[in-house]
């Protein structure tokens, strides 16, 4: 039987994001919050196999600020991954990371990634971006 995760705060969500990033082999860091960096920078930044990912953590009914949404959009426009992970969708984050692992492994062995892994990443991405793409279309590529 799978263990049910219990989150009591955003700190718990951040801690579990770190566990998942470690488990899946991402190099990651949490930028310090101060007045000298870029406004709205995400809680976790990560890179693996040339793919950059920004992850904003939230808890309960928390939603990203406008600055955080702008940062996530900028990462997405630069062809990075940009997610909002909260206590209700963290399972989708794990699904995304598992499917990413499987796709990278397939490519490294000279095989095509499985369609079901691609579908899992698409479905997870939809769930993990809903809080900052709400009510607007993603930016047009030029």
Protein backbone atom coordinates (compact mmCIF):
# COMPACT_ATOMS: atom_id res chain seq x y z
CA UNK A 1 0.00 0.00 0.00
CA UNK A 2 1.34 3.45 -0.94
CA UNK A 3 2.15 5.87 1.83
CA UNK A 4 -0.20 8.85 2.01
CA UNK A 5 1.67 12.13 2.25
CA UNK A 6 0.49 14.74 4.72
CA UNK A 7 1.45 18.36 4.26
CA UNK A 8 0.92 20.96 6.98
CA UNK A 9 2.66 23.92 5.36
CA UNK A 10 4.43 25.20 2.27
CA UNK A 11 7.68 24.20 3.94
CA UNK A 12 6.52 20.55 3.81
CA UNK A 13 5.75 20.90 0.08
CA UNK A 14 9.20 22.41 -0.55
CA UNK A 15 10.83 19.58 1.39
CA UNK A 16 9.04 16.93 -0.68
CA UNK A 17 9.89 18.70 -3.96
CA UNK A 18 13.55 18.47 -2.89
CA UNK A 19 13.13 14.75 -2.13
CA UNK A 20 11.64 14.15 -5.60
CA UNK A 21 14.31 16.18 -7.40
CA UNK A 22 17.03 14.24 -5.56
CA UNK A 23 15.33 10.92 -6.29
CA UNK A 24 15.19 11.69 -10.01
CA UNK A 25 18.76 13.01 -10.29
CA UNK A 26 18.16 16.71 -10.91
CA UNK A 27 20.83 19.25 -9.92
CA UNK A 28 18.82 21.85 -7.99
CA UNK A 29 19.05 24.80 -5.67
CA UNK A 30 16.79 27.15 -3.76
CA UNK A 31 17.69 30.80 -4.39
CA UNK A 32 17.77 32.94 -1.24
CA UNK A 33 14.97 35.46 -0.90
CA UNK A 34 16.46 38.93 -0.80
CA UNK A 35 16.17 42.31 -2.46
CA UNK A 36 19.14 41.81 -4.79
CA UNK A 37 17.88 39.07 -7.10
CA UNK A 38 15.20 38.89 -9.76
CA UNK A 39 11.69 39.47 -8.46
CA UNK A 40 9.40 36.45 -8.34
CA UNK A 41 12.14 33.84 -8.75
CA UNK A 42 10.85 30.34 -8.05
CA UNK A 43 11.48 28.37 -4.88
CA UNK A 44 13.41 25.61 -6.67
CA UNK A 45 15.54 25.85 -9.79
CA UNK A 46 16.82 22.65 -11.35
CA UNK A 47 18.65 21.35 -14.39
CA UNK A 48 19.09 17.91 -15.87
CA UNK A 49 20.16 16.74 -19.31
CA UNK A 50 20.20 20.32 -20.58
CA UNK A 51 16.64 21.04 -19.43
CA UNK A 52 16.04 23.88 -16.98
CA UNK A 53 13.09 23.73 -14.60
CA UNK A 54 11.65 26.31 -12.20
CA UNK A 55 9.29 25.08 -9.49
CA UNK A 56 7.16 27.38 -7.35
CA UNK A 57 5.82 25.70 -4.19
CA UNK A 58 2.42 26.51 -2.71
CA UNK A 59 0.21 25.13 0.03
CA UNK A 60 -3.55 25.05 0.53
CA UNK A 61 -5.25 27.79 -1.44
CA UNK A 62 -2.00 29.67 -2.06
CA UNK A 63 -1.50 30.96 -5.57
CA UNK A 64 1.57 32.48 -7.24
CA UNK A 65 1.97 36.25 -7.06
CA UNK A 66 2.01 38.25 -10.29
CA UNK A 67 5.83 38.47 -10.04
CA UNK A 68 6.05 34.70 -9.63
CA UNK A 69 3.72 34.14 -12.60
CA UNK A 70 5.83 36.51 -14.70
CA UNK A 71 9.00 34.60 -13.77
CA UNK A 72 7.39 31.26 -14.67
CA UNK A 73 6.19 32.66 -18.00
CA UNK A 74 9.70 33.93 -18.78
CA UNK A 75 11.15 30.47 -18.10
CA UNK A 76 8.48 28.87 -20.30
CA UNK A 77 9.14 31.40 -23.10
CA UNK A 78 12.85 30.50 -22.89
CA UNK A 79 11.91 26.82 -23.49
CA UNK A 80 12.38 25.78 -19.87
CA UNK A 81 9.93 23.92 -17.68
CA UNK A 82 7.94 26.04 -15.24
CA UNK A 83 5.66 24.44 -12.66
CA UNK A 84 3.57 25.35 -9.64
CA UNK A 85 3.59 22.38 -7.26
CA UNK A 86 1.26 22.33 -4.28
CA UNK A 87 0.00 19.78 -1.80
CA UNK A 88 -2.88 18.83 -4.13
CA UNK A 89 -0.89 18.22 -7.34
CA UNK A 90 2.50 17.00 -6.09
CA UNK A 91 1.67 13.51 -7.32
CA UNK A 92 1.61 14.93 -10.87
CA UNK A 93 5.11 16.30 -10.31
CA UNK A 94 6.34 12.80 -9.46
CA UNK A 95 4.54 11.40 -12.55
CA UNK A 96 6.25 14.02 -14.73
CA UNK A 97 9.68 13.21 -13.30
CA UNK A 98 9.17 9.45 -13.74
CA UNK A 99 8.09 9.89 -17.38
CA UNK A 100 11.01 12.24 -18.00
CA UNK A 101 13.39 9.60 -16.58
CA UNK A 102 11.93 6.92 -18.85
CA UNK A 103 12.12 9.16 -21.94
CA UNK A 104 15.74 10.14 -21.28
CA UNK A 105 16.70 6.49 -20.70
CA UNK A 106 15.04 5.47 -23.97
CA UNK A 107 16.84 8.18 -25.94
CA UNK A 108 20.19 7.28 -24.38
CA UNK A 109 19.74 3.66 -25.48
CA UNK A 110 18.88 4.73 -29.04
CA UNK A 111 15.17 4.00 -28.71
CA UNK A 112 12.15 6.20 -29.20
CA UNK A 113 10.49 7.31 -25.96
CA UNK A 114 7.20 5.51 -25.32
CA UNK A 115 4.04 7.41 -26.28
CA UNK A 116 2.58 6.78 -22.84
CA UNK A 117 5.54 8.58 -21.24
CA UNK A 118 4.99 11.56 -23.52
CA UNK A 119 1.29 11.53 -22.65
CA UNK A 120 2.11 11.37 -18.94
CA UNK A 121 4.39 14.42 -19.26
CA UNK A 122 1.73 16.35 -21.21
CA UNK A 123 -0.99 15.53 -18.66
CA UNK A 124 1.29 16.38 -15.73
CA UNK A 125 2.37 19.64 -17.37
CA UNK A 126 -1.28 20.67 -17.76
CA UNK A 127 -1.86 20.09 -14.03
CA UNK A 128 1.39 21.77 -12.96
CA UNK A 129 0.89 24.93 -15.05
CA UNK A 130 -2.81 25.54 -14.39
CA UNK A 131 -2.18 28.14 -11.66
CA UNK A 132 -0.26 30.51 -13.88
CA UNK A 133 -1.82 29.98 -17.33
CA UNK A 134 -5.38 30.38 -16.00
CA UNK A 135 -7.64 32.52 -18.20
CA UNK A 136 -5.04 33.24 -20.81
CA UNK A 137 -3.45 31.45 -23.69
CA UNK A 138 0.22 30.52 -23.56
CA UNK A 139 2.40 33.05 -25.40
CA UNK A 140 2.65 32.78 -29.18
CA UNK A 141 5.98 31.58 -30.53
CA UNK A 142 7.55 33.87 -33.11
